[in-house]
Structure formats: structure tokens, C-alpha cells
Amino acid sequence: MLDTRSHLLETDFLPVRRRALETLQANLGYRCNLSCSHCHVAAGPKRSEAMSRATMERLLEVARHHRVTTLDLTGGAPELNPDFRWLVTQAREQGLHVIDRCNLVILSEPGQEDLADFLAAHAVEVVASLPCYLGENVDRQRGKGTFAASLEGLRRLNALGYGRRPERPLNLVFNPQGPDLPPPQAALEADYRQHLKREYGIDFTRLLTMTNMPIRRFGSVLLSRGGFDDYMALLRGAYREENRAGLMCRTLISVDWQGQLYDCDFNQMLALPMAGGREPVGLERLLEEDPAGWPVATAGHCYGCTAGQGSSCSGALE
């Protein structure tokens, strides 16, 4: 796999500083039941990295210490971590709002048949990747048969009230098929809602559009096809200053499976440590210091979050 890190480090992206910490986004491991072409984590079935329970305990301690409101669980497929359900249970008992970034197909995997019921029982918000509402596009991006499995997962969630009751939000995530910016989120959400309801009877709460980042698997494809520079030019050319104020890195900290800290999930994949240092910063430091005011480590990929309508783990910034 070709590495884009060296192409991104030299940047003129304007400085960003952190505000009060609100969200801990924890990557529970890189193992996944899918190997999607747009995946910036390069997750897949053969990956073995997984967060330990001891690290999860420290994560919860940090959340209490800083009065964090949200625990955002991602991967890989976070549900494949053996302690996923333990962490969710402990976090909810602690009063945290928990988000599960679910690929939908996992709901049909052997041993996960009761996963949807577990998520509903613990009032977990589901953010589900569905990169298109057309089956052939999803299968091309995520693998043959994944669209049908995704629809089955959505039906299970709908049957439990997800996407139909306000206390059980079901948000879908769109990624472009290639080196393009996402279309306007509101208009695309209307298309998704109409098509999924008409063709499959499926409801959801919101659609979140996310820009593909030029790192790991997607970045490698850009380099191999000679499209990296053009894509970076697209992101830079679509820069909007007003999006910088809403960047997720101002209030979110990404925690990798080893308990090391990054300003966002993308920086984690590029191994860009927090606080302007050269060495990784661990969870322990958050028990000693308040990260508000720390500088954010920026690089060329940051233009992906400020381009056009903006992009974050919560969708468009505009």
C-alpha cells in the first residue's frame, strides 16, 4: 500500500486550537468484516489490533475526569472487539451518550444476531455507513452482497424503532465513490429518504455526508492512479474559511486501540501526535492536563474537512 503521509505533512493550513473537550472517539480496533475501498483505516478481516479492557477502563476514567458527554465508538467494526458490549454497558451506566459507528452488515454476522437488540436496550445511537442508495454502487465499493445485508440490518433497526422514534436515532453516512466532493447534504438526504422509503420501506433520522480523506487505502489508490495531486487541488480549491470554526478537532479527541491520543481519527491514521509533540500522548496525560488551548496537528488532509460544505464525523459543517 502506498503511503500518502509524506505528501501531506508540508502544509499551509491555518493554525487551529482546541476548545473544551466534549467527545472521546475511541477506535476499538482495526478488525472488520468488510474491506471497503474508501476506508481510511485500511481495516479488514485479517487485522488483529484491538483495545484492551484496561485501556477501556482508563478511557472511562478520563471521561469522568473531564465530564465528557459523548463516547463515539469506531473501528474497523467496533462490535468485533470482545469487550465492546462491556464498554457500552459501563459507559451508559456512567451517563455517557454512546455512538456506535456500525457498517450494518455486522448485524448479520454469526454471533452478532442479537446486536441490534443490545444497542436498542442500551439506547445507543447508531451511525451507519451506507455510501449509496443504489445496490450496484454499494457492492462495488464494499463488496458483493453488502447492499442486501445492509438493507437487512436497516430493517432490523427500524423494527426496534431506530429511525422512527426520536430516542433511537439512526443516521446514515454517505461517502463519494471516488475523488469527488460530496453533494449538498440536505438535497442528498431527500433523495436517500425518498428512494429507501419507496423501494424498501426503510426510515432513518439523518444523512451525514463525509469527504473521502487522501490517506491509507483511499490515498494509496489516488497515488497509484496518478490522481493524488488533482484531488488535493480539488480540496484546496474548495476551501471555505467559515468551516474552520466548526472543525471536530476543536472538541473531540481520537483515542487509538493502544490508548494513544490524536486530534482526529484521520491524524491517528497518519500517526500525527497531539499537542505538537513528536511522540504519542497517552490517556494518562488527560488526567493531568486540560487539553483546551492545545494546538491541533494539521496537515494537507485538513483541507478535506473545510472543503465545500465542510466535513466531519457528524456530517457537513455548513
Protein backbone atom coordinates (compact mmCIF):
# COMPACT_ATOMS: atom_id res chain seq x y z
CA MET A 1 0.00 0.00 0.00
CA LEU A 2 1.35 3.42 -0.99
CA ASP A 3 1.69 5.90 1.90
CA THR A 4 0.50 9.49 1.46
CA ARG A 5 1.89 10.76 4.78
CA SER A 6 4.99 12.39 3.33
CA HIS A 7 2.83 14.12 0.70
CA LEU A 8 0.62 15.69 3.37
CA LEU A 9 2.98 16.83 6.12
CA GLU A 10 4.15 20.04 4.46
CA THR A 11 1.08 22.28 4.59
CA ASP A 12 -0.03 25.89 4.77
CA PHE A 13 -3.29 25.05 6.55
CA LEU A 14 -4.01 27.77 9.11
CA PRO A 15 -3.42 27.03 12.82
CA VAL A 16 -6.25 25.53 14.89
CA ARG A 17 -6.55 25.40 18.69
CA ARG A 18 -8.68 23.14 20.81
CA ARG A 19 -11.67 24.17 22.90
CA ALA A 20 -13.24 22.30 25.84
CA LEU A 21 -13.32 18.53 25.41
CA GLU A 22 -16.81 17.15 24.67
CA THR A 23 -16.31 13.86 22.82
CA LEU A 24 -13.94 10.92 23.12
CA GLN A 25 -13.84 8.95 19.89
CA ALA A 26 -12.37 5.53 20.59
CA ASN A 27 -11.07 3.25 17.86
CA LEU A 28 -11.63 -0.21 19.36
CA GLY A 29 -9.52 -1.97 16.74
CA TYR A 30 -8.86 -2.38 13.04
CA ARG A 31 -10.54 -5.76 12.56
CA CYS A 32 -13.58 -5.52 10.31
CA ASN A 33 -15.88 -7.88 8.45
CA LEU A 34 -15.52 -5.66 5.35
CA SER A 35 -12.65 -4.20 3.29
CA CYS A 36 -14.13 -1.04 1.77
CA SER A 37 -12.25 0.78 -0.99
CA HIS A 38 -12.77 4.20 0.65
CA CYS A 39 -11.61 3.08 4.12
CA HIS A 40 -9.02 5.48 5.56
CA VAL A 41 -8.24 2.95 8.31
CA ALA A 42 -7.42 0.08 5.93
CA ALA A 43 -9.49 -2.15 8.21
CA GLY A 44 -10.32 -5.72 7.27
CA PRO A 45 -10.90 -9.29 8.44
CA LYS A 46 -7.17 -10.03 8.82
CA ARG A 47 -6.39 -7.12 11.14
CA SER A 48 -5.87 -8.15 14.76
CA GLU A 49 -5.36 -4.86 16.65
CA ALA A 50 -7.90 -4.48 19.50
CA MET A 51 -8.27 -2.16 22.50
CA SER A 52 -7.85 -3.96 25.84
CA ARG A 53 -10.30 -3.73 28.73
CA ALA A 54 -7.63 -2.00 30.81
CA THR A 55 -7.40 0.78 28.22
CA MET A 56 -11.20 1.00 28.14
CA GLU A 57 -11.22 1.46 31.92
CA ARG A 58 -8.77 4.34 31.59
CA LEU A 59 -10.91 5.79 28.80
CA LEU A 60 -13.93 5.84 31.11
CA GLU A 61 -11.82 7.41 33.86
CA VAL A 62 -10.80 10.23 31.52
CA ALA A 63 -14.43 10.73 30.51
CA ARG A 64 -15.42 11.17 34.16
CA HIS A 65 -12.49 13.46 34.87
CA HIS A 66 -13.33 15.87 32.03
CA ARG A 67 -17.11 15.44 32.24
CA VAL A 68 -17.18 14.28 28.64
CA THR A 69 -20.71 13.93 27.28
CA THR A 70 -20.22 11.54 24.32
CA LEU A 71 -18.32 8.33 23.70
CA ASP A 72 -18.06 7.68 19.96
CA LEU A 73 -17.05 4.09 19.14
CA THR A 74 -15.43 3.27 15.82
CA GLY A 75 -13.04 0.79 14.20
CA GLY A 76 -12.82 -1.36 11.99
CA ALA A 77 -16.06 -2.79 13.17
CA PRO A 78 -16.07 -1.75 16.85
CA GLU A 79 -18.54 -4.52 17.66
CA LEU A 80 -15.88 -7.15 16.89
CA ASN A 81 -13.85 -6.09 19.92
CA PRO A 82 -14.55 -8.79 22.56
CA ASP A 83 -15.21 -6.10 25.20
CA PHE A 84 -17.45 -3.88 23.07
CA ARG A 85 -20.62 -4.73 24.99
CA TRP A 86 -18.88 -4.37 28.35
CA LEU A 87 -17.69 -0.88 27.38
CA VAL A 88 -21.11 0.19 26.13
CA THR A 89 -22.77 -1.04 29.32
CA GLN A 90 -20.25 0.75 31.57
CA ALA A 91 -20.42 3.97 29.55
CA ARG A 92 -24.21 4.10 29.69
CA GLU A 93 -24.18 3.46 33.44
CA GLN A 94 -21.78 6.41 33.66
CA GLY A 95 -24.33 8.59 31.86
CA LEU A 96 -22.43 8.92 28.59
CA HIS A 97 -24.19 9.24 25.28
CA VAL A 98 -22.79 6.37 23.19
CA ILE A 99 -22.48 6.30 19.40
CA ASP A 100 -21.81 3.06 17.53
CA ARG A 101 -20.36 3.55 14.04
CA CYS A 102 -21.88 0.45 12.50
CA ASN A 103 -21.38 -0.90 8.98
CA LEU A 104 -24.84 -2.59 9.08
CA VAL A 105 -23.51 -5.85 7.61
CA ILE A 106 -22.14 -6.72 11.05
CA LEU A 107 -25.73 -7.13 12.30
CA SER A 108 -25.99 -10.33 10.21
CA GLU A 109 -22.60 -11.81 11.12
CA PRO A 110 -22.55 -15.09 13.08
CA GLY A 111 -22.57 -14.34 16.79
CA GLN A 112 -24.00 -10.84 16.27
CA GLU A 113 -27.62 -11.79 15.69
CA ASP A 114 -28.71 -10.05 18.91
CA LEU A 115 -26.52 -6.97 18.40
CA ALA A 116 -29.39 -4.71 17.27
CA ASP A 117 -31.39 -5.65 20.37
CA PHE A 118 -28.37 -4.90 22.57
CA LEU A 119 -27.91 -1.46 21.01
CA ALA A 120 -31.58 -0.63 21.48
CA ALA A 121 -31.62 -1.86 25.09
CA HIS A 122 -28.75 0.48 25.94
CA ALA A 123 -30.08 3.50 23.99
CA VAL A 124 -27.03 3.59 21.71
CA GLU A 125 -27.13 6.00 18.78
CA VAL A 126 -26.38 4.19 15.53
CA VAL A 127 -24.37 5.91 12.81
CA ALA A 128 -24.43 3.52 9.88
CA SER A 129 -22.34 3.61 6.72
CA LEU A 130 -24.42 3.35 3.54
CA PRO A 131 -22.33 5.01 0.80
CA CYS A 132 -25.17 4.96 -1.73
CA TYR A 133 -28.84 4.01 -2.00
CA LEU A 134 -28.17 2.07 -5.22
CA GLY A 135 -27.16 -1.55 -4.71
CA GLU A 136 -24.61 -1.82 -7.50
CA ASN A 137 -22.68 1.18 -6.20
CA VAL A 138 -22.56 -0.14 -2.63
CA ASP A 139 -21.44 -3.60 -3.74
CA ARG A 140 -18.72 -2.09 -5.92
CA GLN A 141 -17.37 -0.03 -3.01
CA ARG A 142 -17.83 -2.52 -0.16
CA GLY A 143 -18.04 -5.98 -1.73
CA LYS A 144 -20.63 -8.21 -3.41
CA GLY A 145 -23.78 -8.78 -1.38
CA THR A 146 -23.14 -5.98 1.10
CA PHE A 147 -26.09 -3.87 -0.05
CA ALA A 148 -28.60 -6.65 0.60
CA ALA A 149 -27.03 -7.30 4.01
CA SER A 150 -27.14 -3.57 4.78
CA LEU A 151 -30.84 -3.45 3.95
CA GLU A 152 -31.46 -6.38 6.27
CA GLY A 153 -29.59 -4.54 9.04
CA LEU A 154 -31.67 -1.41 8.47
CA ARG A 155 -34.89 -3.41 8.64
CA ARG A 156 -33.82 -4.91 11.97
CA LEU A 157 -33.06 -1.47 13.36
CA ASN A 158 -36.32 0.01 12.04
CA ALA A 159 -38.25 -2.81 13.69
CA LEU A 160 -36.73 -1.74 17.01
CA GLY A 161 -37.75 1.88 16.46
CA TYR A 162 -34.42 3.15 15.14
CA GLY A 163 -35.02 5.93 12.63
CA ARG A 164 -38.67 6.05 13.65
CA ARG A 165 -38.50 7.19 17.28
CA PRO A 166 -36.58 10.29 18.38
CA GLU A 167 -34.89 8.47 21.26
CA ARG A 168 -33.41 5.91 18.83
CA PRO A 169 -31.57 7.90 16.15
CA LEU A 170 -30.32 6.09 13.06
CA ASN A 171 -28.02 8.28 10.97
CA LEU A 172 -26.65 7.12 7.63
CA VAL A 173 -23.24 8.08 6.25
CA PHE A 174 -22.50 8.83 2.60
CA ASN A 175 -19.02 8.77 1.06
CA PRO A 176 -18.37 9.64 -2.59
CA GLN A 177 -17.50 6.73 -4.88
CA GLY A 178 -14.24 8.38 -5.95
CA PRO A 179 -12.16 11.58 -5.84
CA ASP A 180 -15.09 14.00 -5.67
CA LEU A 181 -16.63 16.22 -3.03
CA PRO A 182 -19.95 15.08 -1.53
CA PRO A 183 -23.04 16.75 -3.00
CA PRO A 184 -25.09 19.10 -0.77
CA GLN A 185 -26.15 17.12 2.29
CA ALA A 186 -29.77 18.30 2.50
CA ALA A 187 -30.57 17.52 -1.14
CA LEU A 188 -28.89 14.12 -1.00
CA GLU A 189 -30.71 13.29 2.24
CA ALA A 190 -34.02 13.95 0.48
CA ASP A 191 -33.02 11.57 -2.33
CA TYR A 192 -31.97 8.88 0.14
CA ARG A 193 -35.17 9.25 2.14
CA GLN A 194 -37.43 9.06 -0.90
CA HIS A 195 -35.64 6.09 -2.51
CA LEU A 196 -35.18 3.97 0.61
CA LYS A 197 -38.79 4.51 1.71
CA ARG A 198 -40.31 3.91 -1.71
CA GLU A 199 -38.23 0.89 -2.68
CA TYR A 200 -37.62 -0.79 0.70
CA GLY A 201 -39.86 0.81 3.33
CA ILE A 202 -36.81 1.97 5.31
CA ASP A 203 -36.69 5.05 7.54
CA PHE A 204 -33.71 6.88 9.02
CA THR A 205 -33.10 10.03 11.06
CA ARG A 206 -30.42 11.99 9.18
CA LEU A 207 -27.92 11.58 6.37
CA LEU A 208 -24.33 12.63 7.09
CA THR A 209 -22.03 13.34 4.15
CA MET A 210 -18.29 12.84 4.61
CA THR A 211 -15.39 13.71 2.33
CA ASN A 212 -13.01 10.87 1.45
CA MET A 213 -9.63 11.55 3.02
CA PRO A 214 -6.44 11.04 0.92
CA ILE A 215 -4.88 8.62 3.40
CA ARG A 216 -4.41 4.85 3.82
CA ARG A 217 -6.44 2.76 1.35
CA PHE A 218 -8.13 5.64 -0.49
CA GLY A 219 -4.92 7.69 -0.57
CA SER A 220 -2.99 4.72 -1.88
CA VAL A 221 -5.45 4.31 -4.76
CA LEU A 222 -5.08 8.01 -5.62
CA LEU A 223 -1.30 7.70 -5.75
CA SER A 224 -1.32 4.50 -7.80
CA ARG A 225 -3.66 6.05 -10.36
CA GLY A 226 -1.85 9.38 -10.52
CA GLY A 227 -4.79 11.30 -9.09
CA PHE A 228 -3.42 12.41 -5.73
CA ASP A 229 -2.32 15.92 -6.78
CA ASP A 230 -5.58 16.58 -8.61
CA TYR A 231 -7.61 15.53 -5.59
CA MET A 232 -5.58 17.75 -3.27
CA ALA A 233 -6.06 20.64 -5.69
CA LEU A 234 -9.81 19.99 -5.56
CA LEU A 235 -9.84 20.11 -1.74
CA ARG A 236 -7.68 23.22 -1.54
CA GLY A 237 -9.67 24.99 -4.23
CA ALA A 238 -12.92 24.37 -2.35
CA TYR A 239 -11.57 25.70 0.99
CA ARG A 240 -14.05 27.78 2.99
CA GLU A 241 -12.73 29.75 5.96
CA GLU A 242 -16.07 29.63 7.81
CA ASN A 243 -15.77 25.85 8.11
CA ARG A 244 -12.60 26.12 10.20
CA ALA A 245 -14.54 27.32 13.26
CA GLY A 246 -16.64 24.14 13.32
CA LEU A 247 -13.87 21.57 12.90
CA MET A 248 -14.47 18.47 15.05
CA CYS A 249 -10.86 18.50 16.26
CA ARG A 250 -11.68 21.51 18.43
CA THR A 251 -13.89 19.50 20.83
CA LEU A 252 -13.11 15.83 20.05
CA ILE A 253 -10.12 13.63 20.87
CA SER A 254 -9.46 10.41 18.98
CA VAL A 255 -8.08 7.51 21.02
CA ASP A 256 -6.42 4.60 19.23
CA TRP A 257 -6.63 0.96 20.29
CA GLN A 258 -3.48 1.37 22.40
CA GLY A 259 -4.80 4.41 24.29
CA GLN A 260 -2.75 6.98 22.39
CA LEU A 261 -4.31 10.35 21.60
CA TYR A 262 -4.83 12.21 18.35
CA ASP A 263 -6.73 15.30 17.30
CA CYS A 264 -8.94 13.27 14.98
CA ASP A 265 -9.32 9.80 13.52
CA PHE A 266 -7.51 10.91 10.35
CA ASN A 267 -4.49 12.14 12.30
CA GLN A 268 -4.49 8.80 14.07
CA MET A 269 -4.10 7.00 10.75
CA LEU A 270 -1.26 9.38 9.81
CA ALA A 271 0.44 8.97 13.22
CA LEU A 272 0.35 12.71 13.94
CA PRO A 273 0.54 13.02 17.77
CA MET A 274 -1.40 15.59 19.77
CA ALA A 275 -0.05 18.69 21.48
CA GLY A 276 2.61 19.42 18.87
CA GLY A 277 4.89 16.64 20.05
CA ARG A 278 6.83 14.03 18.13
CA GLU A 279 5.93 11.15 20.42
CA PRO A 280 2.41 9.79 21.05
CA VAL A 281 0.48 11.19 24.01
CA GLY A 282 -1.37 8.67 26.21
CA LEU A 283 -4.69 8.81 28.06
CA GLU A 284 -2.81 9.37 31.32
CA ARG A 285 -1.91 12.90 30.23
CA LEU A 286 -5.58 13.84 30.14
CA LEU A 287 -5.76 13.01 33.85
CA GLU A 288 -3.03 15.57 34.45
CA GLU A 289 -3.85 18.35 31.99
CA ASP A 290 -6.77 20.09 30.33
CA PRO A 291 -6.34 19.93 26.53
CA ALA A 292 -8.30 23.17 25.96
CA GLY A 293 -5.98 25.56 24.16
CA TRP A 294 -3.64 22.87 22.83
CA PRO A 295 -2.63 23.34 19.17
CA VAL A 296 -4.12 20.89 16.68
CA ALA A 297 -1.68 18.95 14.50
CA THR A 298 -2.60 19.91 10.94
CA ALA A 299 -1.54 18.61 7.52
CA GLY A 300 -2.75 18.70 3.93
CA HIS A 301 -5.69 16.37 4.55
CA CYS A 302 -7.27 19.03 6.80
CA TYR A 303 -8.46 20.71 3.61
CA GLY A 304 -10.84 17.75 3.29
CA CYS A 305 -12.75 18.94 6.37
CA THR A 306 -13.02 22.55 5.21
CA ALA A 307 -13.80 21.99 1.52
CA GLY A 308 -17.21 22.94 0.20
CA GLN A 309 -19.94 22.37 2.78
CA GLY A 310 -17.34 21.02 5.19
CA SER A 311 -16.97 17.53 6.58
CA SER A 312 -16.73 15.91 9.99
CA CYS A 313 -17.79 12.72 11.76
CA SER A 314 -21.14 14.48 12.27
CA GLY A 315 -21.56 15.25 8.58
CA ALA A 316 -21.45 18.59 6.79
CA LEU A 317 -20.37 21.63 8.81
CA GLU A 318 -22.43 24.09 6.76
